[in-house]
Amino acid sequence: MSEQQEKVSRQMFRRPGVVNARRFVGEYCFELEGLSEMIRVRIFGSLDDDWFEVAQSHYLQPPGASSPSMSETQRYGSVEEALNDVLELFSAGYQQAVDAGHVPDDAWLMPSRELDW
């Protein structure tokens, strides 16, 4: 997006009652070894790029976990920070379950209701 387009976008959303305007930054996909589902992570950024949010297609809930792994962070300072947080949650939970002797299974993935995937 050009600088002029970004300026127009920011101005367009400065209206009474309009809050939390954001734009789609990108989508990243990955799989966990032994699972067949593709996990998608969408990044949205404020119009001024001073914060970023994540929406993901699935959450991980391996055996022994009482609930799916979810980040406590709502907004991030960069795309890299957001992706690192999501990947760390998936990787750590996955590795902990495998180390405990569990065989990876698609049932570990809980579909998200955040977006229409």
Protein backbone atom coordinates (compact mmCIF):
# COMPACT_ATOMS: atom_id res chain seq x y z
CA MET A 1 0.00 0.00 0.00
CA SER A 2 1.44 3.38 -0.97
CA GLU A 3 1.89 6.19 1.51
CA GLN A 4 -0.96 8.10 -0.14
CA GLN A 5 -3.30 5.08 0.10
CA GLU A 6 -2.42 4.59 3.78
CA LYS A 7 -3.12 8.26 4.49
CA VAL A 8 -6.50 8.00 2.75
CA SER A 9 -7.33 4.82 4.68
CA ARG A 10 -6.56 6.40 8.04
CA GLN A 11 -8.60 9.49 7.18
CA MET A 12 -11.55 7.43 5.91
CA PHE A 13 -11.94 5.70 9.26
CA ARG A 14 -11.82 8.85 11.40
CA ARG A 15 -15.56 9.13 11.88
CA PRO A 16 -17.85 9.30 14.90
CA GLY A 17 -18.46 5.86 16.34
CA VAL A 18 -15.80 4.08 14.26
CA VAL A 19 -13.20 2.46 16.51
CA ASN A 20 -10.44 -0.15 16.27
CA ALA A 21 -9.98 0.20 12.52
CA ARG A 22 -7.46 -2.34 11.30
CA ARG A 23 -6.17 -3.78 8.07
CA PHE A 24 -5.22 -7.26 6.91
CA VAL A 25 -1.43 -7.62 6.96
CA GLY A 26 -0.97 -11.22 5.90
CA GLU A 27 -1.65 -14.89 6.43
CA TYR A 28 0.84 -17.56 7.45
CA CYS A 29 0.28 -21.33 7.44
CA PHE A 30 2.00 -24.28 9.07
CA GLU A 31 1.39 -27.87 10.14
CA LEU A 32 2.47 -29.73 13.23
CA GLU A 33 4.35 -32.95 12.58
CA GLY A 34 1.97 -35.93 12.54
CA LEU A 35 -1.17 -33.79 12.21
CA SER A 36 -2.94 -33.36 8.88
CA GLU A 37 -4.67 -30.01 9.47
CA MET A 38 -3.13 -26.81 8.13
CA ILE A 39 -3.05 -24.14 10.83
CA ARG A 40 -3.54 -20.62 9.51
CA VAL A 41 -2.60 -17.43 11.30
CA ARG A 42 -3.93 -14.09 10.08
CA ILE A 43 -2.30 -10.86 11.15
CA PHE A 44 -4.19 -7.58 11.33
CA GLY A 45 -2.58 -4.24 12.07
CA SER A 46 -3.81 -0.86 13.18
CA LEU A 47 -3.95 1.72 10.42
CA ASP A 48 -0.90 3.38 11.96
CA ASP A 49 0.94 0.04 12.46
CA ASP A 50 1.36 0.74 16.17
CA TRP A 51 -0.25 -2.59 17.15
CA PHE A 52 -0.98 -5.98 15.58
CA GLU A 53 -3.57 -8.65 16.36
CA VAL A 54 -3.75 -12.34 15.51
CA ALA A 55 -6.61 -14.56 14.42
CA GLN A 56 -5.87 -18.26 14.07
CA SER A 57 -7.76 -21.16 12.52
CA HIS A 58 -7.09 -23.60 15.39
CA TYR A 59 -5.94 -23.80 18.98
CA LEU A 60 -3.91 -26.68 20.41
CA GLN A 61 -5.32 -28.83 23.21
CA PRO A 62 -3.19 -31.97 23.56
CA PRO A 63 -3.97 -34.76 26.02
CA GLY A 64 -3.67 -33.63 29.61
CA ALA A 65 -4.42 -29.98 28.86
CA SER A 66 -7.56 -28.71 30.58
CA SER A 67 -8.16 -26.09 27.87
CA PRO A 68 -6.72 -25.02 24.52
CA SER A 69 -3.49 -23.02 24.59
CA MET A 70 -4.28 -19.33 24.15
CA SER A 71 -2.07 -16.31 24.42
CA GLU A 72 -2.77 -13.75 27.10
CA THR A 73 -1.50 -11.03 24.76
CA GLN A 74 -4.20 -9.25 22.79
CA ARG A 75 -2.02 -6.81 20.86
CA TYR A 76 1.59 -7.01 19.77
CA GLY A 77 4.21 -4.44 18.86
CA SER A 78 5.25 -6.19 15.65
CA VAL A 79 4.26 -8.97 13.26
CA GLU A 80 7.30 -10.95 14.38
CA GLU A 81 6.27 -10.71 18.05
CA ALA A 82 2.76 -11.92 17.19
CA LEU A 83 3.97 -14.88 15.12
CA ASN A 84 6.57 -15.84 17.71
CA ASP A 85 3.91 -15.97 20.44
CA VAL A 86 1.56 -18.15 18.39
CA LEU A 87 4.32 -20.51 17.21
CA GLU A 88 5.73 -20.84 20.72
CA LEU A 89 2.33 -21.85 22.13
CA PHE A 90 1.85 -24.51 19.47
CA SER A 91 5.43 -25.79 19.61
CA ALA A 92 5.68 -25.96 23.41
CA GLY A 93 2.30 -27.67 23.84
CA TYR A 94 3.04 -30.13 21.05
CA GLN A 95 6.49 -31.00 22.39
CA GLN A 96 5.20 -31.43 25.94
CA ALA A 97 2.56 -33.92 24.78
CA VAL A 98 5.02 -35.86 22.61
CA ASP A 99 7.56 -35.96 25.45
CA ALA A 100 4.81 -37.40 27.69
CA GLY A 101 4.43 -40.29 25.22
CA HIS A 102 1.35 -39.15 23.29
CA VAL A 103 1.11 -39.80 19.56
CA PRO A 104 0.16 -36.67 17.58
CA ASP A 105 -3.51 -36.67 16.61
CA ASP A 106 -5.74 -34.24 14.70
CA ALA A 107 -8.07 -34.28 17.73
CA TRP A 108 -5.51 -32.05 19.45
CA LEU A 109 -6.62 -29.15 17.24
CA MET A 110 -9.66 -27.15 18.27
CA PRO A 111 -11.18 -25.07 15.45
CA SER A 112 -11.39 -21.36 16.10
CA ARG A 113 -14.61 -19.38 15.91
CA GLU A 114 -12.80 -16.07 15.39
CA LEU A 115 -13.21 -15.79 11.63
CA ASP A 116 -14.88 -17.60 8.77
CA TRP A 117 -11.98 -19.77 7.67
